Protein backbone atom coordinates (compact mmCIF):
# COMPACT_ATOMS: atom_id res chain seq x y z
CA MET A 1 0.18 -10.84 12.67
CA GLY A 2 2.18 -7.75 13.43
CA ALA A 3 3.84 -5.29 11.14
CA LEU A 4 6.41 -6.47 8.64
CA THR A 5 9.88 -5.04 8.68
CA GLU A 6 10.45 -2.39 6.05
CA ALA A 7 12.66 -4.82 4.12
CA GLU A 8 9.93 -7.48 4.19
CA ALA A 9 7.34 -4.94 3.02
CA TRP A 10 9.61 -3.80 0.16
CA GLU A 11 10.08 -7.43 -0.86
CA LEU A 12 6.34 -8.05 -0.79
CA ILE A 13 5.61 -4.96 -2.88
CA ALA A 14 8.37 -5.91 -5.33
CA SER A 15 6.43 -9.10 -6.11
CA SER A 16 3.76 -7.05 -7.89
CA PRO A 17 3.29 -8.01 -11.55
CA ILE A 18 3.70 -4.31 -12.39
CA ALA A 19 6.52 -2.42 -10.68
CA PHE A 20 5.65 0.53 -8.46
CA SER A 21 7.81 3.64 -8.37
CA ASP A 22 10.00 4.13 -5.30
CA GLU A 23 7.88 7.18 -4.45
CA ASP A 24 4.72 5.06 -4.48
CA VAL A 25 6.34 2.35 -2.35
CA GLU A 26 7.54 4.90 0.22
CA TRP A 27 4.03 6.38 0.41
CA ILE A 28 2.46 2.94 0.82
CA LEU A 29 4.94 2.03 3.58
CA GLN A 30 4.29 5.29 5.40
CA GLN A 31 0.50 5.05 5.21
CA SER A 32 0.33 1.35 6.09
CA GLN A 33 3.05 1.39 8.75
CA CYS A 34 3.99 -1.97 7.17
CA LEU A 35 0.84 -3.69 8.46
CA PRO A 36 0.03 -6.54 6.07
CA LEU A 37 -3.70 -5.81 5.69
CA LEU A 38 -3.11 -2.15 4.93
CA LEU A 39 -0.22 -2.96 2.61
CA GLN A 40 -2.48 -5.30 0.69
CA ILE A 41 -5.26 -2.73 0.31
CA LEU A 42 -2.95 0.08 -0.80
CA CYS A 43 -0.98 -2.15 -3.17
CA ARG A 44 -4.18 -3.46 -4.69
CA GLU A 45 -5.36 0.08 -5.39
CA ARG A 46 -2.02 1.01 -6.94
CA LEU A 47 -1.96 -2.11 -9.09
CA PHE A 48 -5.54 -1.59 -10.29
CA SER A 49 -4.76 2.03 -11.18
CA LEU A 50 -1.67 0.98 -13.15
CA GLU A 51 -3.63 -1.72 -14.97
CA ASP A 52 -6.32 0.82 -15.86
CA GLY A 53 -3.78 3.44 -16.93
CA GLU A 54 -4.95 5.81 -14.21
CA THR A 55 -2.41 7.49 -12.00
CA ASP A 56 -4.21 10.23 -10.09
CA ASP A 57 -6.88 9.00 -7.67
CA TRP A 58 -5.46 5.76 -6.32
CA ARG A 59 -4.01 7.29 -3.17
CA GLU A 60 -7.27 8.95 -2.21
CA GLU A 61 -9.17 5.72 -2.85
CA GLY A 62 -6.61 3.69 -0.91
CA LEU A 63 -6.89 6.00 2.10
CA ARG A 64 -10.67 5.76 1.92
CA GLN A 65 -10.46 1.97 1.96
CA ILE A 66 -8.07 1.74 4.91
CA LYS A 67 -10.04 4.25 7.00
CA PRO A 68 -12.15 1.50 8.67
CA PHE A 69 -8.89 -0.03 9.90
CA ALA A 70 -7.44 3.20 11.36
CA HIS A 71 -7.50 1.63 14.82
CA LEU A 72 -4.69 -0.69 13.66
CA LEU A 73 -2.44 2.34 13.22
CA GLU A 74 -2.90 3.50 16.80
CA LYS A 75 0.02 2.46 18.95
C-alpha cells in the first residue's frame, strides 16, 4: 500500500477517540509522509501520551519507533 493522500490521512487521524491538535497532525503528516504504517505508529504514540496525560516526549518516542522503517521514506 502506498501513501495516503493528505486528505485521507487527516480523515484517518480524525477518527482518533481523542482529538489531536492541528499542530500535532501536521507534524505527524510531515514525519510519516502519509505512509499508513508510520501514521499508525505516530498516532498511537500521540494517543497513548494523551491518555496518560503526558505531552512532552511522544514525538521523540514516535521518531524512535519509526526509525527502523526509515527506508520507506526514501524516494
